[in-house]
Amino acid sequence: MEAKKNLVIFAALLMVAAIRIEMVAAGDMCGLSISDLMECKPAVSGTKPLPPSANCCAALSKADLPCLCTFKNSPMLSMYKINSTLAIDLPSKCKLHSPNCGA
């Protein structure tokens, strides 16, 4: 019975992940297009990330920032070589109100 319950939970998580991947593939993630996301990539990846550009901050200003918190522990971030800690700090670096993404 426990194995069946775990299988159902696992299947539900896969469905949620698939929906998020489709959203990104469709070009919208919390109000950001793929090109918006790419504007910010230099500021959230690599061993020596750059400060966020004006274009990055402009894109981030129109995003649903609390929505972005849902991706905090997503394997998609590492897949795209995005440092989640840097990503969470990005709104404050752009002088935007940072959402509380929790621990």
C-alpha atoms as a PDB file:
ATOM      1  CA  MET A   1       0.000   0.000   0.000  1.00  0.00           C
ATOM      2  CA  GLU A   2       2.847   2.395   0.860  1.00  0.00           C
ATOM      3  CA  ALA A   3       4.541   1.717  -2.479  1.00  0.00           C
ATOM      4  CA  LYS A   4       1.323   2.553  -4.337  1.00  0.00           C
ATOM      5  CA  LYS A   5       0.998   5.829  -2.407  1.00  0.00           C
ATOM      6  CA  ASN A   6       4.618   6.750  -3.220  1.00  0.00           C
ATOM      7  CA  LEU A   7       4.029   5.956  -6.898  1.00  0.00           C
ATOM      8  CA  VAL A   8       1.014   8.280  -6.998  1.00  0.00           C
ATOM      9  CA  ILE A   9       3.004  11.087  -5.347  1.00  0.00           C
ATOM     10  CA  PHE A  10       5.887  10.540  -7.771  1.00  0.00           C
ATOM     11  CA  ALA A  11       3.526  10.615 -10.772  1.00  0.00           C
ATOM     12  CA  ALA A  12       1.971  13.863  -9.521  1.00  0.00           C
ATOM     13  CA  LEU A  13       5.405  15.459  -9.146  1.00  0.00           C
ATOM     14  CA  LEU A  14       6.333  14.402 -12.669  1.00  0.00           C
ATOM     15  CA  MET A  15       3.169  16.012 -14.010  1.00  0.00           C
ATOM     16  CA  VAL A  16       3.957  19.290 -12.234  1.00  0.00           C
ATOM     17  CA  ALA A  17       7.520  19.214 -13.588  1.00  0.00           C
ATOM     18  CA  ALA A  18       6.247  18.519 -17.113  1.00  0.00           C
ATOM     19  CA  ILE A  19       3.871  21.471 -16.927  1.00  0.00           C
ATOM     20  CA  ARG A  20       6.692  23.774 -15.800  1.00  0.00           C
ATOM     21  CA  ILE A  21       8.954  22.539 -18.590  1.00  0.00           C
ATOM     22  CA  GLU A  22       6.177  23.168 -21.119  1.00  0.00           C
ATOM     23  CA  MET A  23       5.737  26.700 -19.762  1.00  0.00           C
ATOM     24  CA  VAL A  24       9.430  27.393 -20.259  1.00  0.00           C
ATOM     25  CA  ALA A  25       9.425  25.774 -23.694  1.00  0.00           C
ATOM     26  CA  ALA A  26       6.433  27.902 -24.636  1.00  0.00           C
ATOM     27  CA  GLY A  27       8.468  30.968 -23.705  1.00  0.00           C
ATOM     28  CA  ASP A  28       6.765  32.110 -20.534  1.00  0.00           C
ATOM     29  CA  MET A  29       7.994  31.571 -17.020  1.00  0.00           C
ATOM     30  CA  CYS A  30       6.370  33.776 -14.421  1.00  0.00           C
ATOM     31  CA  GLY A  31       5.956  36.590 -16.929  1.00  0.00           C
ATOM     32  CA  LEU A  32       9.429  36.274 -18.440  1.00  0.00           C
ATOM     33  CA  SER A  33      10.184  35.185 -21.977  1.00  0.00           C
ATOM     34  CA  ILE A  34      13.192  33.060 -22.854  1.00  0.00           C
ATOM     35  CA  SER A  35      14.978  36.168 -24.145  1.00  0.00           C
ATOM     36  CA  ASP A  36      14.231  37.943 -20.832  1.00  0.00           C
ATOM     37  CA  LEU A  37      15.720  35.011 -18.951  1.00  0.00           C
ATOM     38  CA  MET A  38      18.811  35.020 -21.160  1.00  0.00           C
ATOM     39  CA  GLU A  39      19.357  38.725 -20.384  1.00  0.00           C
ATOM     40  CA  CYS A  40      19.876  37.716 -16.746  1.00  0.00           C
ATOM     41  CA  LYS A  41      21.888  34.538 -17.239  1.00  0.00           C
ATOM     42  CA  PRO A  42      25.339  36.237 -16.993  1.00  0.00           C
ATOM     43  CA  ALA A  43      24.345  37.510 -13.533  1.00  0.00           C
ATOM     44  CA  VAL A  44      23.273  34.098 -12.200  1.00  0.00           C
ATOM     45  CA  SER A  45      25.779  31.676 -13.681  1.00  0.00           C
ATOM     46  CA  GLY A  46      29.458  30.954 -13.821  1.00  0.00           C
ATOM     47  CA  THR A  47      32.185  31.279 -11.237  1.00  0.00           C
ATOM     48  CA  LYS A  48      32.408  35.068 -11.653  1.00  0.00           C
ATOM     49  CA  PRO A  49      28.889  36.297 -12.403  1.00  0.00           C
ATOM     50  CA  LEU A  50      28.481  39.773 -13.807  1.00  0.00           C
ATOM     51  CA  PRO A  51      26.282  42.432 -12.221  1.00  0.00           C
ATOM     52  CA  PRO A  52      22.781  42.351 -13.706  1.00  0.00           C
ATOM     53  CA  SER A  53      22.441  44.460 -16.829  1.00  0.00           C
ATOM     54  CA  ALA A  54      19.856  47.205 -17.240  1.00  0.00           C
ATOM     55  CA  ASN A  55      17.998  44.920 -19.671  1.00  0.00           C
ATOM     56  CA  CYS A  56      17.998  42.118 -17.100  1.00  0.00           C
ATOM     57  CA  CYS A  57      16.588  44.387 -14.399  1.00  0.00           C
ATOM     58  CA  ALA A  58      13.974  45.785 -16.788  1.00  0.00           C
ATOM     59  CA  ALA A  59      12.854  42.249 -17.638  1.00  0.00           C
ATOM     60  CA  LEU A  60      12.841  41.230 -13.993  1.00  0.00           C
ATOM     61  CA  SER A  61      10.732  44.260 -13.058  1.00  0.00           C
ATOM     62  CA  LYS A  62       7.799  42.859 -15.052  1.00  0.00           C
ATOM     63  CA  ALA A  63       8.127  39.308 -13.675  1.00  0.00           C
ATOM     64  CA  ASP A  64       5.940  37.637 -11.087  1.00  0.00           C
ATOM     65  CA  LEU A  65       8.740  37.362  -8.517  1.00  0.00           C
ATOM     66  CA  PRO A  66       6.870  35.153  -5.993  1.00  0.00           C
ATOM     67  CA  CYS A  67       6.173  32.775  -8.890  1.00  0.00           C
ATOM     68  CA  LEU A  68       9.903  32.540  -9.552  1.00  0.00           C
ATOM     69  CA  CYS A  69      10.371  31.275  -5.983  1.00  0.00           C
ATOM     70  CA  THR A  70       8.655  28.052  -7.022  1.00  0.00           C
ATOM     71  CA  PHE A  71      11.687  27.281  -9.197  1.00  0.00           C
ATOM     72  CA  LYS A  72      14.166  27.784  -6.321  1.00  0.00           C
ATOM     73  CA  ASN A  73      14.953  24.084  -5.930  1.00  0.00           C
ATOM     74  CA  SER A  74      14.118  23.060  -9.465  1.00  0.00           C
ATOM     75  CA  PRO A  75      16.564  20.801 -11.303  1.00  0.00           C
ATOM     76  CA  MET A  76      15.902  23.012 -14.329  1.00  0.00           C
ATOM     77  CA  LEU A  77      18.163  25.666 -12.824  1.00  0.00           C
ATOM     78  CA  SER A  78      21.167  23.379 -12.694  1.00  0.00           C
ATOM     79  CA  MET A  79      20.299  22.072 -16.144  1.00  0.00           C
ATOM     80  CA  TYR A  80      20.736  25.623 -17.446  1.00  0.00           C
ATOM     81  CA  LYS A  81      23.772  26.177 -15.174  1.00  0.00           C
ATOM     82  CA  ILE A  82      21.942  28.781 -13.081  1.00  0.00           C
ATOM     83  CA  ASN A  83      23.043  29.273  -9.478  1.00  0.00           C
ATOM     84  CA  SER A  84      19.831  29.377  -7.415  1.00  0.00           C
ATOM     85  CA  THR A  85      21.418  31.513  -4.674  1.00  0.00           C
ATOM     86  CA  LEU A  86      22.464  34.134  -7.218  1.00  0.00           C
ATOM     87  CA  ALA A  87      19.024  33.965  -8.834  1.00  0.00           C
ATOM     88  CA  ILE A  88      17.258  34.583  -5.523  1.00  0.00           C
ATOM     89  CA  ASP A  89      19.514  37.591  -4.837  1.00  0.00           C
ATOM     90  CA  LEU A  90      18.933  39.080  -8.289  1.00  0.00           C
ATOM     91  CA  PRO A  91      15.838  41.217  -7.489  1.00  0.00           C
ATOM     92  CA  SER A  92      17.648  43.036  -4.681  1.00  0.00           C
ATOM     93  CA  LYS A  93      20.634  43.644  -6.981  1.00  0.00           C
ATOM     94  CA  CYS A  94      18.157  45.244  -9.413  1.00  0.00           C
ATOM     95  CA  LYS A  95      16.746  47.365  -6.567  1.00  0.00           C
ATOM     96  CA  LEU A  96      13.427  45.482  -6.726  1.00  0.00           C
ATOM     97  CA  HIS A  97      11.394  44.203  -3.830  1.00  0.00           C
ATOM     98  CA  SER A  98      12.686  40.672  -3.201  1.00  0.00           C
ATOM     99  CA  PRO A  99      10.071  38.041  -2.489  1.00  0.00           C
ATOM    100  CA  ASN A 100      10.498  35.848   0.573  1.00  0.00           C
ATOM    101  CA  CYS A 101      11.331  32.505  -1.010  1.00  0.00           C
ATOM    102  CA  GLY A 102      11.702  30.776   2.346  1.00  0.00           C
ATOM    103  CA  ALA A 103      14.529  28.528   3.405  1.00  0.00           C
END
